[in-house]
Amino acid sequence: MANINETIRGKKLYKEGSEGQEASKNASGEIVISKEKSEELNTLNDISDLFNDDAIYQTNKFLLKQVEDLRQDVEELHAFIKDAFGKDSSSAASQGAKGDTGSQGPKGDTGSTGPQGPKGDTGSTGPQGTKGNTGSTGPQGPAGNDGSNGTNGSNGAKGDKGDTGATGATGPQGAAGSNASVSGFKGQKTVGKETWTFEDGLLKTVK
Protein backbone atom coordinates (compact mmCIF):
# COMPACT_ATOMS: atom_id res chain seq x y z
CA MET A 1 0.00 0.00 0.00
CA ALA A 2 1.27 3.50 -0.83
CA ASN A 3 0.34 7.08 -0.02
CA ILE A 4 0.50 10.16 -2.24
CA ASN A 5 2.09 13.45 -1.16
CA GLU A 6 0.11 16.63 -0.80
CA THR A 7 2.35 18.37 -3.38
CA ILE A 8 4.94 17.30 -5.96
CA ARG A 9 8.59 17.20 -4.89
CA GLY A 10 10.03 19.41 -7.60
CA LYS A 11 9.29 22.76 -9.16
CA LYS A 12 8.49 23.61 -12.77
CA LEU A 13 11.55 23.34 -14.97
CA TYR A 14 10.92 26.86 -16.25
CA LYS A 15 8.52 29.74 -16.03
CA GLU A 16 8.03 32.45 -18.62
CA GLY A 17 9.43 35.86 -17.67
CA SER A 18 9.90 39.15 -19.47
CA GLU A 19 11.53 39.68 -22.83
CA GLY A 20 15.33 39.46 -22.91
CA GLN A 21 15.75 38.60 -19.25
CA GLU A 22 18.41 36.22 -18.03
CA ALA A 23 17.36 32.94 -16.36
CA SER A 24 17.05 33.21 -12.57
CA LYS A 25 15.34 31.58 -9.59
CA ASN A 26 12.50 33.53 -8.01
CA ALA A 27 11.35 33.56 -4.38
CA SER A 28 9.18 30.45 -4.92
CA GLY A 29 12.14 28.46 -6.20
CA GLU A 30 10.95 28.48 -9.84
CA ILE A 31 13.36 29.08 -12.74
CA VAL A 32 12.22 32.12 -14.71
CA ILE A 33 13.46 32.39 -18.31
CA SER A 34 12.95 34.97 -21.01
CA LYS A 35 9.71 35.15 -22.88
CA GLU A 36 11.48 34.33 -26.14
CA LYS A 37 12.95 31.07 -24.82
CA SER A 38 9.66 30.09 -23.13
CA GLU A 39 7.75 30.52 -26.40
CA GLU A 40 10.40 28.56 -28.27
CA LEU A 41 10.23 25.67 -25.77
CA ASN A 42 6.43 25.66 -25.92
CA THR A 43 6.48 25.16 -29.69
CA LEU A 44 9.05 22.36 -29.74
CA ASN A 45 7.66 19.06 -31.05
CA ASP A 46 10.63 17.50 -32.87
CA ILE A 47 13.80 16.32 -31.09
CA SER A 48 15.32 14.63 -34.11
CA ASP A 49 18.15 17.22 -34.16
CA LEU A 50 19.24 16.04 -30.72
CA PHE A 51 19.73 12.51 -32.08
CA ASN A 52 21.34 13.67 -35.33
CA ASP A 53 24.06 15.76 -33.61
CA ASP A 54 26.31 13.03 -32.20
CA ALA A 55 28.12 15.31 -29.73
CA ILE A 56 24.83 16.45 -28.19
CA TYR A 57 23.44 12.89 -28.29
CA GLN A 58 26.46 11.36 -26.50
CA THR A 59 26.25 14.03 -23.78
CA ASN A 60 22.52 13.56 -23.17
CA LYS A 61 21.80 9.92 -24.01
CA PHE A 62 21.50 8.83 -20.37
CA LEU A 63 19.23 11.74 -19.61
CA LEU A 64 17.13 10.84 -22.66
CA LYS A 65 16.75 7.28 -21.39
CA GLN A 66 15.59 8.52 -17.97
CA VAL A 67 13.12 10.93 -19.57
CA GLU A 68 11.64 8.15 -21.74
CA ASP A 69 11.28 5.84 -18.71
CA LEU A 70 9.53 8.63 -16.84
CA ARG A 71 7.25 9.30 -19.83
CA GLN A 72 6.20 5.63 -19.97
CA ASP A 73 5.50 5.62 -16.22
CA VAL A 74 3.31 8.70 -16.57
CA GLU A 75 1.47 7.15 -19.54
CA GLU A 76 0.72 3.94 -17.61
CA LEU A 77 -0.30 5.94 -14.52
CA HIS A 78 -2.65 8.05 -16.60
CA ALA A 79 -4.35 4.97 -18.10
CA PHE A 80 -4.66 3.32 -14.67
CA ILE A 81 -6.21 6.37 -13.00
CA LYS A 82 -8.71 6.90 -15.84
CA ASP A 83 -9.82 3.24 -15.81
CA ALA A 84 -10.00 2.97 -12.03
CA PHE A 85 -11.55 6.34 -11.12
CA GLY A 86 -12.83 7.87 -14.34
CA LYS A 87 -12.09 11.34 -15.64
CA ASP A 88 -14.18 13.29 -13.08
CA SER A 89 -12.34 13.68 -9.77
CA SER A 90 -15.51 14.82 -7.99
CA SER A 91 -17.09 11.38 -8.38
CA ALA A 92 -13.91 9.26 -8.19
CA ALA A 93 -13.60 6.79 -5.32
CA SER A 94 -11.52 3.68 -4.90
CA GLN A 95 -13.32 0.40 -4.39
CA GLY A 96 -12.40 -1.66 -1.36
CA ALA A 97 -12.37 -5.40 -1.01
CA LYS A 98 -15.67 -7.23 -1.01
CA GLY A 99 -17.13 -7.52 2.49
CA ASP A 100 -18.59 -10.58 4.17
CA THR A 101 -22.06 -11.68 3.27
CA GLY A 102 -24.66 -10.28 5.66
CA SER A 103 -27.22 -12.31 7.55
CA GLN A 104 -30.46 -13.29 5.85
CA GLY A 105 -33.22 -10.75 6.14
CA PRO A 106 -36.77 -11.45 7.37
CA LYS A 107 -39.27 -13.20 5.15
CA GLY A 108 -40.96 -10.83 2.74
CA ASP A 109 -44.70 -10.28 2.34
CA THR A 110 -46.72 -12.68 0.21
CA GLY A 111 -46.68 -11.64 -3.38
CA SER A 112 -49.74 -10.88 -5.45
CA THR A 113 -51.65 -13.68 -7.13
CA GLY A 114 -49.96 -14.83 -10.29
CA PRO A 115 -51.68 -15.10 -13.66
CA GLN A 116 -54.08 -17.97 -14.32
CA GLY A 117 -52.39 -21.16 -15.37
CA PRO A 118 -53.11 -22.98 -18.64
CA LYS A 119 -56.27 -25.05 -19.09
CA GLY A 120 -56.00 -28.53 -17.55
CA ASP A 121 -56.55 -31.84 -19.33
CA THR A 122 -60.12 -33.10 -19.81
CA GLY A 123 -61.28 -35.20 -16.87
CA SER A 124 -62.75 -38.69 -17.10
CA THR A 125 -66.46 -39.13 -17.96
CA GLY A 126 -68.73 -38.71 -14.95
CA PRO A 127 -71.68 -41.02 -14.04
CA GLN A 128 -74.90 -40.84 -16.07
CA GLY A 129 -77.28 -38.16 -14.85
CA THR A 130 -80.99 -38.55 -14.07
CA LYS A 131 -83.53 -38.64 -16.92
CA GLY A 132 -84.44 -35.15 -18.06
CA ASN A 133 -87.92 -33.71 -18.66
CA THR A 134 -89.67 -34.31 -21.96
CA GLY A 135 -88.61 -31.76 -24.47
CA SER A 136 -90.95 -29.46 -26.35
CA THR A 137 -92.54 -30.54 -29.63
CA GLY A 138 -90.09 -30.38 -32.47
CA PRO A 139 -90.70 -28.42 -35.66
CA GLN A 140 -93.02 -29.81 -38.36
CA GLY A 141 -91.41 -32.34 -40.64
CA PRO A 142 -91.11 -31.88 -44.39
CA ALA A 143 -94.13 -32.60 -46.69
CA GLY A 144 -94.65 -36.26 -47.66
CA ASN A 145 -94.40 -37.68 -51.18
CA ASP A 146 -97.40 -37.31 -53.57
CA GLY A 147 -100.05 -40.04 -53.20
CA SER A 148 -100.96 -42.50 -56.02
CA ASN A 149 -103.53 -41.52 -58.68
CA GLY A 150 -107.19 -41.95 -57.71
CA THR A 151 -109.72 -44.10 -59.65
CA ASN A 152 -111.56 -42.66 -62.68
CA GLY A 153 -114.75 -40.74 -61.86
CA SER A 154 -118.22 -41.59 -63.28
CA ASN A 155 -119.24 -40.35 -66.76
CA GLY A 156 -120.47 -36.80 -66.89
CA ALA A 157 -123.94 -35.67 -68.07
CA LYS A 158 -124.71 -35.60 -71.82
CA GLY A 159 -123.45 -32.45 -73.39
CA ASP A 160 -125.38 -29.95 -75.53
CA LYS A 161 -125.97 -30.68 -79.23
CA GLY A 162 -122.97 -29.70 -81.24
CA ASP A 163 -122.93 -27.31 -84.18
CA THR A 164 -123.94 -28.58 -87.64
CA GLY A 165 -121.01 -30.28 -89.27
CA ALA A 166 -119.65 -29.47 -92.66
CA THR A 167 -121.45 -30.99 -95.72
CA GLY A 168 -120.11 -34.42 -96.35
CA ALA A 169 -119.00 -35.77 -99.68
CA THR A 170 -121.65 -36.70 -102.21
CA GLY A 171 -122.72 -40.31 -101.80
CA PRO A 172 -122.94 -42.79 -104.57
CA GLN A 173 -125.80 -42.57 -107.00
CA GLY A 174 -128.86 -44.43 -105.80
CA ALA A 175 -130.87 -46.87 -107.74
CA ALA A 176 -133.25 -45.57 -110.32
CA GLY A 177 -136.51 -44.58 -108.68
CA SER A 178 -139.97 -44.24 -110.03
CA ASN A 179 -140.90 -41.26 -112.12
CA ALA A 180 -140.94 -38.61 -109.37
CA SER A 181 -142.45 -35.97 -111.55
CA VAL A 182 -145.23 -38.34 -112.31
CA SER A 183 -145.68 -39.64 -108.81
CA GLY A 184 -145.14 -36.19 -107.13
CA PHE A 185 -143.40 -37.72 -104.02
CA LYS A 186 -143.05 -35.44 -101.02
CA GLY A 187 -141.23 -36.41 -97.78
CA GLN A 188 -137.85 -37.39 -96.22
CA LYS A 189 -135.64 -40.38 -96.78
CA THR A 190 -132.57 -41.43 -94.66
CA VAL A 191 -129.52 -42.40 -96.68
CA GLY A 192 -126.66 -43.49 -94.38
CA LYS A 193 -126.33 -40.71 -91.82
CA GLU A 194 -127.96 -38.10 -94.06
CA THR A 195 -131.58 -37.04 -94.34
CA TRP A 196 -132.87 -36.25 -97.83
CA THR A 197 -135.95 -34.06 -98.21
CA PHE A 198 -138.17 -34.32 -101.37
CA GLU A 199 -140.93 -32.04 -102.67
CA ASP A 200 -142.99 -32.75 -105.82
CA GLY A 201 -140.71 -35.66 -106.49
CA LEU A 202 -137.56 -33.46 -106.52
CA LEU A 203 -134.64 -33.52 -103.92
CA LYS A 204 -134.63 -30.23 -102.06
CA THR A 205 -132.15 -30.60 -99.09
CA VAL A 206 -129.62 -33.04 -97.67
CA LYS A 207 -128.83 -32.90 -93.93
C-alpha atoms as a PDB file:
ATOM      1  CA  MET A   1       0.000   0.000   0.000  1.00  0.00           C
ATOM      2  CA  ALA A   2       1.271   3.502  -0.831  1.00  0.00           C
ATOM      3  CA  ASN A   3       0.341   7.082  -0.024  1.00  0.00           C
ATOM      4  CA  ILE A   4       0.501  10.156  -2.238  1.00  0.00           C
ATOM      5  CA  ASN A   5       2.092  13.452  -1.156  1.00  0.00           C
ATOM      6  CA  GLU A   6       0.112  16.628  -0.797  1.00  0.00           C
ATOM      7  CA  THR A   7       2.351  18.368  -3.384  1.00  0.00           C
ATOM      8  CA  ILE A   8       4.943  17.299  -5.957  1.00  0.00           C
ATOM      9  CA  ARG A   9       8.588  17.198  -4.895  1.00  0.00           C
ATOM     10  CA  GLY A  10      10.034  19.412  -7.595  1.00  0.00           C
ATOM     11  CA  LYS A  11       9.289  22.757  -9.161  1.00  0.00           C
ATOM     12  CA  LYS A  12       8.494  23.610 -12.768  1.00  0.00           C
ATOM     13  CA  LEU A  13      11.550  23.338 -14.974  1.00  0.00           C
ATOM     14  CA  TYR A  14      10.919  26.859 -16.255  1.00  0.00           C
ATOM     15  CA  LYS A  15       8.520  29.738 -16.034  1.00  0.00           C
ATOM     16  CA  GLU A  16       8.029  32.450 -18.618  1.00  0.00           C
ATOM     17  CA  GLY A  17       9.432  35.864 -17.671  1.00  0.00           C
ATOM     18  CA  SER A  18       9.901  39.152 -19.468  1.00  0.00           C
ATOM     19  CA  GLU A  19      11.529  39.683 -22.833  1.00  0.00           C
ATOM     20  CA  GLY A  20      15.332  39.465 -22.912  1.00  0.00           C
ATOM     21  CA  GLN A  21      15.748  38.602 -19.247  1.00  0.00           C
ATOM     22  CA  GLU A  22      18.407  36.217 -18.029  1.00  0.00           C
ATOM     23  CA  ALA A  23      17.356  32.944 -16.363  1.00  0.00           C
ATOM     24  CA  SER A  24      17.054  33.214 -12.568  1.00  0.00           C
ATOM     25  CA  LYS A  25      15.336  31.582  -9.592  1.00  0.00           C
ATOM     26  CA  ASN A  26      12.504  33.532  -8.007  1.00  0.00           C
ATOM     27  CA  ALA A  27      11.347  33.560  -4.382  1.00  0.00           C
ATOM     28  CA  SER A  28       9.184  30.453  -4.925  1.00  0.00           C
ATOM     29  CA  GLY A  29      12.136  28.458  -6.203  1.00  0.00           C
ATOM     30  CA  GLU A  30      10.946  28.484  -9.839  1.00  0.00           C
ATOM     31  CA  ILE A  31      13.359  29.081 -12.740  1.00  0.00           C
ATOM     32  CA  VAL A  32      12.220  32.116 -14.709  1.00  0.00           C
ATOM     33  CA  ILE A  33      13.460  32.391 -18.307  1.00  0.00           C
ATOM     34  CA  SER A  34      12.954  34.966 -21.006  1.00  0.00           C
ATOM     35  CA  LYS A  35       9.706  35.148 -22.885  1.00  0.00           C
ATOM     36  CA  GLU A  36      11.477  34.326 -26.139  1.00  0.00           C
ATOM     37  CA  LYS A  37      12.954  31.075 -24.823  1.00  0.00           C
ATOM     38  CA  SER A  38       9.660  30.089 -23.130  1.00  0.00           C
ATOM     39  CA  GLU A  39       7.746  30.521 -26.395  1.00  0.00           C
ATOM     40  CA  GLU A  40      10.402  28.564 -28.269  1.00  0.00           C
ATOM     41  CA  LEU A  41      10.231  25.666 -25.774  1.00  0.00           C
ATOM     42  CA  ASN A  42       6.431  25.660 -25.922  1.00  0.00           C
ATOM     43  CA  THR A  43       6.480  25.164 -29.693  1.00  0.00           C
ATOM     44  CA  LEU A  44       9.049  22.363 -29.739  1.00  0.00           C
ATOM     45  CA  ASN A  45       7.661  19.059 -31.054  1.00  0.00           C
ATOM     46  CA  ASP A  46      10.628  17.496 -32.875  1.00  0.00           C
ATOM     47  CA  ILE A  47      13.802  16.317 -31.088  1.00  0.00           C
ATOM     48  CA  SER A  48      15.323  14.631 -34.107  1.00  0.00           C
ATOM     49  CA  ASP A  49      18.149  17.225 -34.159  1.00  0.00           C
ATOM     50  CA  LEU A  50      19.243  16.043 -30.717  1.00  0.00           C
ATOM     51  CA  PHE A  51      19.727  12.508 -32.084  1.00  0.00           C
ATOM     52  CA  ASN A  52      21.345  13.669 -35.329  1.00  0.00           C
ATOM     53  CA  ASP A  53      24.058  15.762 -33.610  1.00  0.00           C
ATOM     54  CA  ASP A  54      26.314  13.031 -32.203  1.00  0.00           C
ATOM     55  CA  ALA A  55      28.117  15.312 -29.734  1.00  0.00           C
ATOM     56  CA  ILE A  56      24.829  16.455 -28.193  1.00  0.00           C
ATOM     57  CA  TYR A  57      23.443  12.887 -28.289  1.00  0.00           C
ATOM     58  CA  GLN A  58      26.461  11.365 -26.500  1.00  0.00           C
ATOM     59  CA  THR A  59      26.254  14.026 -23.785  1.00  0.00           C
ATOM     60  CA  ASN A  60      22.517  13.565 -23.171  1.00  0.00           C
ATOM     61  CA  LYS A  61      21.799   9.915 -24.009  1.00  0.00           C
ATOM     62  CA  PHE A  62      21.497   8.827 -20.374  1.00  0.00           C
ATOM     63  CA  LEU A  63      19.234  11.736 -19.611  1.00  0.00           C
ATOM     64  CA  LEU A  64      17.128  10.839 -22.664  1.00  0.00           C
ATOM     65  CA  LYS A  65      16.748   7.279 -21.389  1.00  0.00           C
ATOM     66  CA  GLN A  66      15.594   8.518 -17.973  1.00  0.00           C
ATOM     67  CA  VAL A  67      13.122  10.933 -19.565  1.00  0.00           C
ATOM     68  CA  GLU A  68      11.639   8.149 -21.739  1.00  0.00           C
ATOM     69  CA  ASP A  69      11.278   5.836 -18.708  1.00  0.00           C
ATOM     70  CA  LEU A  70       9.531   8.627 -16.835  1.00  0.00           C
ATOM     71  CA  ARG A  71       7.245   9.299 -19.831  1.00  0.00           C
ATOM     72  CA  GLN A  72       6.201   5.627 -19.968  1.00  0.00           C
ATOM     73  CA  ASP A  73       5.500   5.618 -16.219  1.00  0.00           C
ATOM     74  CA  VAL A  74       3.311   8.704 -16.569  1.00  0.00           C
ATOM     75  CA  GLU A  75       1.466   7.149 -19.540  1.00  0.00           C
ATOM     76  CA  GLU A  76       0.716   3.944 -17.613  1.00  0.00           C
ATOM     77  CA  LEU A  77      -0.299   5.937 -14.523  1.00  0.00           C
ATOM     78  CA  HIS A  78      -2.647   8.054 -16.603  1.00  0.00           C
ATOM     79  CA  ALA A  79      -4.346   4.969 -18.103  1.00  0.00           C
ATOM     80  CA  PHE A  80      -4.664   3.324 -14.669  1.00  0.00           C
ATOM     81  CA  ILE A  81      -6.209   6.373 -12.997  1.00  0.00           C
ATOM     82  CA  LYS A  82      -8.706   6.895 -15.840  1.00  0.00           C
ATOM     83  CA  ASP A  83      -9.817   3.238 -15.812  1.00  0.00           C
ATOM     84  CA  ALA A  84      -9.998   2.968 -12.027  1.00  0.00           C
ATOM     85  CA  PHE A  85     -11.547   6.337 -11.120  1.00  0.00           C
ATOM     86  CA  GLY A  86     -12.827   7.874 -14.339  1.00  0.00           C
ATOM     87  CA  LYS A  87     -12.088  11.344 -15.636  1.00  0.00           C
ATOM     88  CA  ASP A  88     -14.185  13.286 -13.082  1.00  0.00           C
ATOM     89  CA  SER A  89     -12.338  13.685  -9.774  1.00  0.00           C
ATOM     90  CA  SER A  90     -15.514  14.825  -7.989  1.00  0.00           C
ATOM     91  CA  SER A  91     -17.086  11.383  -8.384  1.00  0.00           C
ATOM     92  CA  ALA A  92     -13.909   9.257  -8.188  1.00  0.00           C
ATOM     93  CA  ALA A  93     -13.598   6.785  -5.320  1.00  0.00           C
ATOM     94  CA  SER A  94     -11.516   3.681  -4.901  1.00  0.00           C
ATOM     95  CA  GLN A  95     -13.325   0.400  -4.392  1.00  0.00           C
ATOM     96  CA  GLY A  96     -12.395  -1.655  -1.360  1.00  0.00           C
ATOM     97  CA  ALA A  97     -12.373  -5.398  -1.014  1.00  0.00           C
ATOM     98  CA  LYS A  98     -15.667  -7.230  -1.008  1.00  0.00           C
ATOM     99  CA  GLY A  99     -17.133  -7.518   2.494  1.00  0.00           C
ATOM    100  CA  ASP A 100     -18.592 -10.581   4.173  1.00  0.00           C
ATOM    101  CA  THR A 101     -22.063 -11.681   3.268  1.00  0.00           C
ATOM    102  CA  GLY A 102     -24.663 -10.279   5.664  1.00  0.00           C
ATOM    103  CA  SER A 103     -27.221 -12.314   7.545  1.00  0.00           C
ATOM    104  CA  GLN A 104     -30.455 -13.289   5.850  1.00  0.00           C
ATOM    105  CA  GLY A 105     -33.217 -10.745   6.142  1.00  0.00           C
ATOM    106  CA  PRO A 106     -36.772 -11.452   7.370  1.00  0.00           C
ATOM    107  CA  LYS A 107     -39.265 -13.203   5.148  1.00  0.00           C
ATOM    108  CA  GLY A 108     -40.960 -10.831   2.740  1.00  0.00           C
ATOM    109  CA  ASP A 109     -44.695 -10.282   2.336  1.00  0.00           C
ATOM    110  CA  THR A 110     -46.724 -12.684   0.212  1.00  0.00           C
ATOM    111  CA  GLY A 111     -46.678 -11.635  -3.381  1.00  0.00           C
ATOM    112  CA  SER A 112     -49.745 -10.876  -5.452  1.00  0.00           C
ATOM    113  CA  THR A 113     -51.645 -13.684  -7.131  1.00  0.00           C
ATOM    114  CA  GLY A 114     -49.960 -14.830 -10.288  1.00  0.00           C
ATOM    115  CA  PRO A 115     -51.675 -15.096 -13.658  1.00  0.00           C
ATOM    116  CA  GLN A 116     -54.082 -17.966 -14.319  1.00  0.00           C
ATOM    117  CA  GLY A 117     -52.393 -21.163 -15.374  1.00  0.00           C
ATOM    118  CA  PRO A 118     -53.105 -22.981 -18.638  1.00  0.00           C
ATOM    119  CA  LYS A 119     -56.274 -25.051 -19.090  1.00  0.00           C
ATOM    120  CA  GLY A 120     -55.995 -28.529 -17.552  1.00  0.00           C
ATOM    121  CA  ASP A 121     -56.554 -31.840 -19.331  1.00  0.00           C
ATOM    122  CA  THR A 122     -60.116 -33.105 -19.814  1.00  0.00           C
ATOM    123  CA  GLY A 123     -61.279 -35.200 -16.868  1.00  0.00           C
ATOM    124  CA  SER A 124     -62.747 -38.688 -17.099  1.00  0.00           C
ATOM    125  CA  THR A 125     -66.455 -39.126 -17.958  1.00  0.00           C
ATOM    126  CA  GLY A 126     -68.728 -38.713 -14.949  1.00  0.00           C
ATOM    127  CA  PRO A 127     -71.676 -41.019 -14.041  1.00  0.00           C
ATOM    128  CA  GLN A 128     -74.897 -40.838 -16.065  1.00  0.00           C
ATOM    129  CA  GLY A 129     -77.281 -38.159 -14.850  1.00  0.00           C
ATOM    130  CA  THR A 130     -80.992 -38.553 -14.072  1.00  0.00           C
ATOM    131  CA  LYS A 131     -83.533 -38.638 -16.916  1.00  0.00           C
ATOM    132  CA  GLY A 132     -84.439 -35.155 -18.059  1.00  0.00           C
ATOM    133  CA  ASN A 133     -87.920 -33.715 -18.655  1.00  0.00           C
ATOM    134  CA  THR A 134     -89.674 -34.308 -21.965  1.00  0.00           C
ATOM    135  CA  GLY A 135     -88.612 -31.763 -24.470  1.00  0.00           C
ATOM    136  CA  SER A 136     -90.951 -29.460 -26.347  1.00  0.00           C
ATOM    137  CA  THR A 137     -92.539 -30.539 -29.626  1.00  0.00           C
ATOM    138  CA  GLY A 138     -90.089 -30.378 -32.468  1.00  0.00           C
ATOM    139  CA  PRO A 139     -90.697 -28.423 -35.665  1.00  0.00           C
ATOM    140  CA  GLN A 140     -93.024 -29.806 -38.358  1.00  0.00           C
ATOM    141  CA  GLY A 141     -91.413 -32.341 -40.637  1.00  0.00           C
ATOM    142  CA  PRO A 142     -91.110 -31.885 -44.390  1.00  0.00           C
ATOM    143  CA  ALA A 143     -94.127 -32.603 -46.688  1.00  0.00           C
ATOM    144  CA  GLY A 144     -94.646 -36.264 -47.656  1.00  0.00           C
ATOM    145  CA  ASN A 145     -94.404 -37.678 -51.185  1.00  0.00           C
ATOM    146  CA  ASP A 146     -97.398 -37.310 -53.568  1.00  0.00           C
ATOM    147  CA  GLY A 147    -100.049 -40.036 -53.198  1.00  0.00           C
ATOM    148  CA  SER A 148    -100.963 -42.498 -56.017  1.00  0.00           C
ATOM    149  CA  ASN A 149    -103.527 -41.521 -58.685  1.00  0.00           C
ATOM    150  CA  GLY A 150    -107.194 -41.952 -57.707  1.00  0.00           C
ATOM    151  CA  THR A 151    -109.720 -44.099 -59.653  1.00  0.00           C
ATOM    152  CA  ASN A 152    -111.562 -42.660 -62.675  1.00  0.00           C
ATOM    153  CA  GLY A 153    -114.745 -40.736 -61.860  1.00  0.00           C
ATOM    154  CA  SER A 154    -118.223 -41.586 -63.280  1.00  0.00           C
ATOM    155  CA  ASN A 155    -119.239 -40.353 -66.763  1.00  0.00           C
ATOM    156  CA  GLY A 156    -120.466 -36.801 -66.890  1.00  0.00           C
ATOM    157  CA  ALA A 157    -123.938 -35.667 -68.071  1.00  0.00           C
ATOM    158  CA  LYS A 158    -124.707 -35.597 -71.823  1.00  0.00           C
ATOM    159  CA  GLY A 159    -123.449 -32.454 -73.393  1.00  0.00           C
ATOM    160  CA  ASP A 160    -125.379 -29.953 -75.533  1.00  0.00           C
ATOM    161  CA  LYS A 161    -125.971 -30.680 -79.230  1.00  0.00           C
ATOM    162  CA  GLY A 162    -122.970 -29.702 -81.240  1.00  0.00           C
ATOM    163  CA  ASP A 163    -122.930 -27.314 -84.183  1.00  0.00           C
ATOM    164  CA  THR A 164    -123.939 -28.581 -87.645  1.00  0.00           C
ATOM    165  CA  GLY A 165    -121.008 -30.284 -89.269  1.00  0.00           C
ATOM    166  CA  ALA A 166    -119.647 -29.466 -92.658  1.00  0.00           C
ATOM    167  CA  THR A 167    -121.450 -30.990 -95.720  1.00  0.00           C
ATOM    168  CA  GLY A 168    -120.107 -34.420 -96.355  1.00  0.00           C
ATOM    169  CA  ALA A 169    -118.998 -35.774 -99.681  1.00  0.00           C
ATOM    170  CA  THR A 170    -121.647 -36.701-102.211  1.00  0.00           C
ATOM    171  CA  GLY A 171    -122.718 -40.313-101.798  1.00  0.00           C
ATOM    172  CA  PRO A 172    -122.942 -42.794-104.571  1.00  0.00           C
ATOM    173  CA  GLN A 173    -125.802 -42.574-107.001  1.00  0.00           C
ATOM    174  CA  GLY A 174    -128.857 -44.426-105.804  1.00  0.00           C
ATOM    175  CA  ALA A 175    -130.869 -46.874-107.744  1.00  0.00           C
ATOM    176  CA  ALA A 176    -133.254 -45.574-110.316  1.00  0.00           C
ATOM    177  CA  GLY A 177    -136.508 -44.585-108.684  1.00  0.00           C
ATOM    178  CA  SER A 178    -139.975 -44.243-110.027  1.00  0.00           C
ATOM    179  CA  ASN A 179    -140.897 -41.261-112.120  1.00  0.00           C
ATOM    180  CA  ALA A 180    -140.944 -38.608-109.373  1.00  0.00           C
ATOM    181  CA  SER A 181    -142.452 -35.969-111.548  1.00  0.00           C
ATOM    182  CA  VAL A 182    -145.229 -38.337-112.307  1.00  0.00           C
ATOM    183  CA  SER A 183    -145.680 -39.642-108.807  1.00  0.00           C
ATOM    184  CA  GLY A 184    -145.136 -36.194-107.126  1.00  0.00           C
ATOM    185  CA  PHE A 185    -143.398 -37.719-104.024  1.00  0.00           C
ATOM    186  CA  LYS A 186    -143.054 -35.439-101.019  1.00  0.00           C
ATOM    187  CA  GLY A 187    -141.229 -36.405 -97.780  1.00  0.00           C
ATOM    188  CA  GLN A 188    -137.853 -37.387 -96.216  1.00  0.00           C
ATOM    189  CA  LYS A 189    -135.640 -40.383 -96.777  1.00  0.00           C
ATOM    190  CA  THR A 190    -132.571 -41.427 -94.657  1.00  0.00           C
ATOM    191  CA  VAL A 191    -129.519 -42.401 -96.679  1.00  0.00           C
ATOM    192  CA  GLY A 192    -126.660 -43.495 -94.383  1.00  0.00           C
ATOM    193  CA  LYS A 193    -126.326 -40.714 -91.821  1.00  0.00           C
ATOM    194  CA  GLU A 194    -127.956 -38.105 -94.062  1.00  0.00           C
ATOM    195  CA  THR A 195    -131.583 -37.040 -94.338  1.00  0.00           C
ATOM    196  CA  TRP A 196    -132.870 -36.252 -97.828  1.00  0.00           C
ATOM    197  CA  THR A 197    -135.954 -34.059 -98.207  1.00  0.00           C
ATOM    198  CA  PHE A 198    -138.173 -34.324-101.374  1.00  0.00           C
ATOM    199  CA  GLU A 199    -140.932 -32.035-102.670  1.00  0.00           C
ATOM    200  CA  ASP A 200    -142.991 -32.746-105.824  1.00  0.00           C
ATOM    201  CA  GLY A 201    -140.706 -35.665-106.489  1.00  0.00           C
ATOM    202  CA  LEU A 202    -137.559 -33.458-106.515  1.00  0.00           C
ATOM    203  CA  LEU A 203    -134.641 -33.516-103.920  1.00  0.00           C
ATOM    204  CA  LYS A 204    -134.631 -30.225-102.061  1.00  0.00           C
ATOM    205  CA  THR A 205    -132.154 -30.603 -99.094  1.00  0.00           C
ATOM    206  CA  VAL A 206    -129.625 -33.037 -97.672  1.00  0.00           C
ATOM    207  CA  LYS A 207    -128.833 -32.900 -93.926  1.00  0.00           C
END
